[in-house]
Amino acid sequence: MDLSNRTVLVVGGTSGIGRELARRFAAAGSTVAVAGRRPDALEELAAEGFGTFGIDVTDSASVASARDAVLARYPGLDTVVTMSGVMLLEDLRDPAHFEAARTTIDTNLLGTIRVVDAFTPHLVRRGDGTFVTVTSGIAFLPFPPMPSYAASKAAVHAYSEALRAQLDGTGVDVVELVPPAVATAGQEKVNPHALPLDDFATEVMHLLSADPTPHEILVAGVRMHRWAERDGTYAGLVAQRSKALAMLPGRGPSEG
């Protein structure tokens, strides 16, 4: 993928990985717009020179309105990155977890589908373009304290595979970005092994610039997750990660 002359929309790009990738695309020479829910963050990004748009991916009307505004300003849009996501802890022994599950699925999975649906006709009419969907290493190696997050990201992976197959021959590519734990929003305090954001973004941009661009963007730090079943390490790693259940309220280390 030539990163120097694209018109990119990063949905969910007001913080963390999304914001850093928006900056990296811009630094490479692309025109970049960012959509998100936080007016303060959008204002800061507008001051940096980005086009900014309000969007709530859980609201179909908001997605449609944002699409219309984006395409009116950027009719040459050729790359849509779907970054919106939430990570919520859930104790599956407590039925009250269902609201967290609902929020997670509505944002991570249905939000991705809403955004893809909104921009598919435009990219297909162009006969050229790229969707970048975002999953997680947790899609392939679950983190038990966040069951719906893992399920939603596994679903986005499967959906991305089907989307790529259905768009074959249209000129529209589907690239799946699979982050490991990345040091954003305080994650470096929770997980000392989280990959520094700068290092992650540098590796991602290098992989995206390959010709042809891989269907899955796998930085070195996520490959142990992606290939755990193939490598025979899956059961052991899930058991190890299950120790983190102790972080749930009311769960002691002996109950992990």
Protein backbone atom coordinates (compact mmCIF):
# COMPACT_ATOMS: atom_id res chain seq x y z
CA MET A 1 0.00 0.00 0.00
CA ASP A 2 1.32 3.41 -0.98
CA LEU A 3 0.92 5.47 2.20
CA SER A 4 1.96 8.76 0.66
CA ASN A 5 -1.08 9.78 -1.34
CA ARG A 6 -4.20 8.34 0.22
CA THR A 7 -7.34 9.91 1.63
CA VAL A 8 -7.92 8.21 4.96
CA LEU A 9 -10.75 8.25 7.49
CA VAL A 10 -9.93 6.88 10.94
CA VAL A 11 -13.17 6.14 12.80
CA GLY A 12 -12.43 6.04 16.51
CA GLY A 13 -9.20 7.96 16.03
CA THR A 14 -9.50 10.44 18.89
CA SER A 15 -7.09 8.60 21.19
CA GLY A 16 -4.59 5.78 21.50
CA ILE A 17 -3.74 3.64 18.50
CA GLY A 18 -6.24 5.37 16.21
CA ARG A 19 -4.88 8.84 16.85
CA GLU A 20 -1.29 7.69 16.42
CA LEU A 21 -2.09 5.96 13.13
CA ALA A 22 -3.88 9.09 11.90
CA ARG A 23 -0.75 11.07 12.63
CA ARG A 24 1.44 8.47 10.92
CA PHE A 25 -0.69 8.46 7.76
CA ALA A 26 -0.53 12.25 7.69
CA ALA A 27 3.23 12.23 8.19
CA ALA A 28 3.56 9.81 5.26
CA GLY A 29 1.79 12.32 3.00
CA SER A 30 -1.84 11.21 3.10
CA THR A 31 -4.88 13.40 3.68
CA VAL A 32 -6.42 12.24 6.95
CA ALA A 33 -9.78 12.77 8.65
CA VAL A 34 -10.72 11.53 12.10
CA ALA A 35 -14.18 10.65 13.40
CA GLY A 36 -15.08 10.06 17.02
CA ARG A 37 -17.37 10.86 19.93
CA ARG A 38 -15.20 13.21 22.00
CA PRO A 39 -15.64 16.87 21.01
CA ASP A 40 -12.59 17.98 23.01
CA ALA A 41 -10.32 15.47 21.28
CA LEU A 42 -11.76 16.32 17.87
CA GLU A 43 -11.07 19.98 18.55
CA GLU A 44 -7.44 19.21 19.39
CA LEU A 45 -7.05 17.15 16.21
CA ALA A 46 -8.65 19.88 14.11
CA ALA A 47 -6.00 22.24 15.48
CA GLU A 48 -3.38 19.82 14.16
CA GLY A 49 -4.90 20.10 10.68
CA PHE A 50 -7.05 16.99 10.54
CA GLY A 51 -10.58 16.98 9.20
CA THR A 52 -12.81 16.02 12.11
CA PHE A 53 -16.30 14.57 12.34
CA GLY A 54 -18.55 13.54 15.20
CA ILE A 55 -19.76 9.96 15.11
CA ASP A 56 -21.36 7.40 17.42
CA VAL A 57 -20.89 3.96 15.87
CA THR A 58 -23.70 2.54 18.01
CA ASP A 59 -26.18 4.86 16.25
CA SER A 60 -26.99 4.11 12.60
CA ALA A 61 -28.26 7.66 11.98
CA SER A 62 -25.02 9.13 13.37
CA VAL A 63 -22.95 6.86 11.14
CA ALA A 64 -24.96 7.81 8.05
CA SER A 65 -24.70 11.51 8.87
CA ALA A 66 -20.95 11.26 9.39
CA ARG A 67 -20.55 9.36 6.11
CA ASP A 68 -22.40 12.04 4.20
CA ALA A 69 -20.32 14.80 5.78
CA VAL A 70 -17.05 12.96 5.15
CA LEU A 71 -17.81 12.23 1.50
CA ALA A 72 -19.00 15.79 0.89
CA ARG A 73 -15.63 17.08 2.08
CA TYR A 74 -13.47 14.18 0.84
CA PRO A 75 -15.07 12.72 -2.30
CA GLY A 76 -11.80 10.94 -3.07
CA LEU A 77 -11.86 8.95 0.17
CA ASP A 78 -10.14 5.62 -0.47
CA THR A 79 -9.24 4.20 2.97
CA VAL A 80 -11.52 3.64 5.96
CA VAL A 81 -10.04 2.48 9.27
CA THR A 82 -12.58 1.19 11.82
CA MET A 83 -10.95 1.69 15.24
CA SER A 84 -13.91 2.21 17.60
CA GLY A 85 -13.90 -0.19 20.51
CA VAL A 86 -14.41 -0.67 24.25
CA MET A 87 -12.73 -3.08 26.68
CA LEU A 88 -14.87 -3.97 29.70
CA LEU A 89 -14.34 -6.43 32.53
CA GLU A 90 -17.15 -8.94 33.09
CA ASP A 91 -17.84 -11.46 35.83
CA LEU A 92 -19.94 -14.09 34.10
CA ARG A 93 -21.20 -15.38 37.47
CA ASP A 94 -23.10 -12.11 37.87
CA PRO A 95 -26.01 -11.67 35.42
CA ALA A 96 -25.48 -7.91 35.63
CA HIS A 97 -22.52 -8.39 33.26
CA PHE A 98 -24.99 -8.52 30.37
CA GLU A 99 -25.07 -4.75 29.98
CA ALA A 100 -21.29 -4.72 29.54
CA ALA A 101 -21.65 -7.50 26.98
CA ARG A 102 -24.34 -5.57 25.11
CA THR A 103 -22.24 -2.40 25.03
CA THR A 104 -19.16 -4.31 23.88
CA ILE A 105 -20.89 -6.13 21.04
CA ASP A 106 -22.80 -3.04 19.92
CA THR A 107 -19.62 -0.96 19.74
CA ASN A 108 -16.94 -3.41 18.65
CA LEU A 109 -18.83 -5.69 16.29
CA LEU A 110 -22.00 -3.90 15.21
CA GLY A 111 -20.17 -0.57 15.17
CA THR A 112 -17.65 -2.02 12.73
CA ILE A 113 -20.44 -3.40 10.56
CA ARG A 114 -22.29 -0.08 10.55
CA VAL A 115 -19.19 1.79 9.40
CA VAL A 116 -18.31 -0.79 6.75
CA ASP A 117 -21.89 -0.82 5.45
CA ALA A 118 -21.92 2.98 5.27
CA PHE A 119 -18.80 3.25 3.11
CA THR A 120 -18.94 0.06 1.02
CA PRO A 121 -21.07 1.54 -1.80
CA HIS A 122 -18.67 4.49 -2.16
CA LEU A 123 -15.55 2.34 -2.31
CA VAL A 124 -17.14 -0.18 -4.67
CA ARG A 125 -18.22 2.63 -7.01
CA ARG A 126 -14.63 3.87 -6.99
CA GLY A 127 -13.40 0.42 -7.89
CA ASP A 128 -10.45 1.03 -5.59
CA GLY A 129 -9.92 1.37 -1.86
CA THR A 130 -9.19 -0.31 1.44
CA PHE A 131 -11.02 -1.13 4.63
CA VAL A 132 -8.77 -1.57 7.65
CA THR A 133 -10.63 -3.44 10.37
CA VAL A 134 -9.15 -3.74 13.84
CA THR A 135 -9.29 -6.88 15.93
CA SER A 136 -6.88 -7.93 18.70
CA GLY A 137 -4.55 -10.67 19.79
CA ILE A 138 -7.36 -11.44 22.26
CA ALA A 139 -9.49 -12.52 19.28
CA PHE A 140 -7.21 -15.53 18.94
CA LEU A 141 -6.10 -16.05 22.55
CA PRO A 142 -8.92 -15.04 24.93
CA PHE A 143 -8.30 -12.93 28.02
CA PRO A 144 -10.86 -14.46 30.45
CA PRO A 145 -11.70 -11.26 32.41
CA MET A 146 -12.95 -9.69 29.15
CA PRO A 147 -15.06 -12.43 27.52
CA SER A 148 -17.30 -10.25 25.33
CA TYR A 149 -14.32 -8.22 24.15
CA ALA A 150 -12.64 -11.44 23.01
CA ALA A 151 -15.86 -12.65 21.38
CA SER A 152 -16.45 -9.33 19.61
CA LYS A 153 -12.93 -9.21 18.19
CA ALA A 154 -13.08 -12.85 17.08
CA ALA A 155 -16.33 -11.96 15.32
CA VAL A 156 -14.74 -8.95 13.60
CA HIS A 157 -11.97 -11.27 12.39
CA ALA A 158 -14.49 -13.68 10.87
CA TYR A 159 -16.49 -10.79 9.42
CA SER A 160 -13.35 -9.33 7.86
CA GLU A 161 -12.56 -12.64 6.21
CA ALA A 162 -16.07 -12.84 4.75
CA LEU A 163 -16.00 -9.18 3.68
CA ARG A 164 -12.73 -9.72 1.84
CA ALA A 165 -14.19 -12.72 0.01
CA GLN A 166 -17.36 -10.84 -0.95
CA LEU A 167 -15.46 -7.77 -2.18
CA ASP A 168 -13.03 -9.81 -4.23
CA GLY A 169 -12.94 -8.45 -7.75
CA THR A 170 -14.31 -5.01 -6.82
CA GLY A 171 -10.90 -3.41 -6.28
CA VAL A 172 -11.64 -2.94 -2.57
CA ASP A 173 -9.18 -4.62 -0.21
CA VAL A 174 -9.78 -5.64 3.41
CA VAL A 175 -6.82 -5.49 5.77
CA GLU A 176 -7.12 -6.67 9.37
CA LEU A 177 -4.95 -4.98 11.99
CA VAL A 178 -4.30 -7.28 14.96
CA PRO A 179 -2.78 -5.33 17.88
CA PRO A 180 -1.27 -6.94 20.98
CA ALA A 181 -1.44 -5.07 24.28
CA VAL A 182 -0.22 -1.57 23.43
CA ALA A 183 0.79 1.03 26.01
CA THR A 184 -2.09 3.48 25.67
CA ALA A 185 -4.58 4.90 28.17
CA GLY A 186 -2.57 3.68 31.13
CA GLN A 187 -2.21 0.10 29.90
CA GLU A 188 1.51 0.28 30.56
CA LYS A 189 0.63 0.45 34.28
CA VAL A 190 -1.68 -2.57 34.09
CA ASN A 191 0.49 -4.61 31.74
CA PRO A 192 4.23 -3.95 31.95
CA HIS A 193 4.65 -6.05 28.80
CA ALA A 194 2.48 -3.73 26.70
CA LEU A 195 4.23 -2.68 23.51
CA PRO A 196 5.19 1.02 23.40
CA LEU A 197 2.78 2.87 21.13
CA ASP A 198 5.54 4.45 19.05
CA ASP A 199 7.17 1.08 18.36
CA PHE A 200 3.84 -0.49 17.50
CA ALA A 201 2.87 2.27 15.07
CA THR A 202 6.25 2.18 13.35
CA GLU A 203 5.97 -1.57 12.77
CA VAL A 204 2.36 -1.27 11.59
CA MET A 205 3.18 1.41 9.01
CA HIS A 206 6.10 -0.66 7.75
CA LEU A 207 3.83 -3.69 7.28
CA LEU A 208 1.08 -1.62 5.65
CA SER A 209 3.56 -0.23 3.13
CA ALA A 210 4.43 -3.70 1.84
CA ASP A 211 3.44 -4.61 -1.71
CA PRO A 212 1.22 -6.52 -1.62
CA THR A 213 -0.11 -5.47 1.77
CA PRO A 214 -0.70 -8.53 3.99
CA HIS A 215 -4.30 -9.45 4.72
CA GLU A 216 -3.39 -9.42 8.42
CA ILE A 217 -1.06 -6.87 9.99
CA LEU A 218 0.76 -8.89 12.64
CA VAL A 219 3.51 -7.11 14.55
CA ALA A 220 6.06 -9.41 16.14
CA GLY A 221 4.49 -8.97 19.58
CA VAL A 222 1.14 -10.45 18.59
CA ARG A 223 2.25 -13.54 16.69
CA MET A 224 2.32 -15.75 19.80
CA HIS A 225 -1.40 -14.94 20.23
CA ARG A 226 -2.33 -15.36 16.57
CA TRP A 227 -0.64 -18.71 16.17
CA ALA A 228 -1.11 -20.22 19.65
CA GLU A 229 -3.42 -23.01 18.45
CA ARG A 230 -1.16 -23.85 15.53
CA ASP A 231 1.90 -23.86 17.77
CA GLY A 232 0.34 -26.02 20.49
CA THR A 233 0.67 -23.32 23.15
CA TYR A 234 -3.01 -22.32 23.35
CA ALA A 235 -4.17 -24.28 26.43
CA GLY A 236 -1.17 -23.31 28.50
CA LEU A 237 -1.43 -19.65 27.60
CA VAL A 238 -5.17 -19.50 28.33
CA ALA A 239 -4.55 -21.13 31.72
CA GLN A 240 -1.84 -18.57 32.42
CA ARG A 241 -4.09 -15.68 31.38
CA SER A 242 -6.92 -17.07 33.53
CA LYS A 243 -4.94 -16.04 36.62
CA ALA A 244 -6.01 -12.49 35.78
CA LEU A 245 -9.57 -13.39 36.85
CA ALA A 246 -8.39 -12.37 40.31
CA MET A 247 -8.73 -8.76 39.17
CA LEU A 248 -12.53 -9.10 39.10
CA PRO A 249 -14.30 -7.65 42.17
CA GLY A 250 -14.93 -10.31 44.79
CA ARG A 251 -12.54 -12.80 43.24
CA GLY A 252 -9.47 -13.76 45.18
CA PRO A 253 -6.35 -15.40 43.75
CA SER A 254 -7.63 -18.82 44.84
CA GLU A 255 -10.73 -18.38 42.66
CA GLY A 256 -8.85 -17.32 39.50
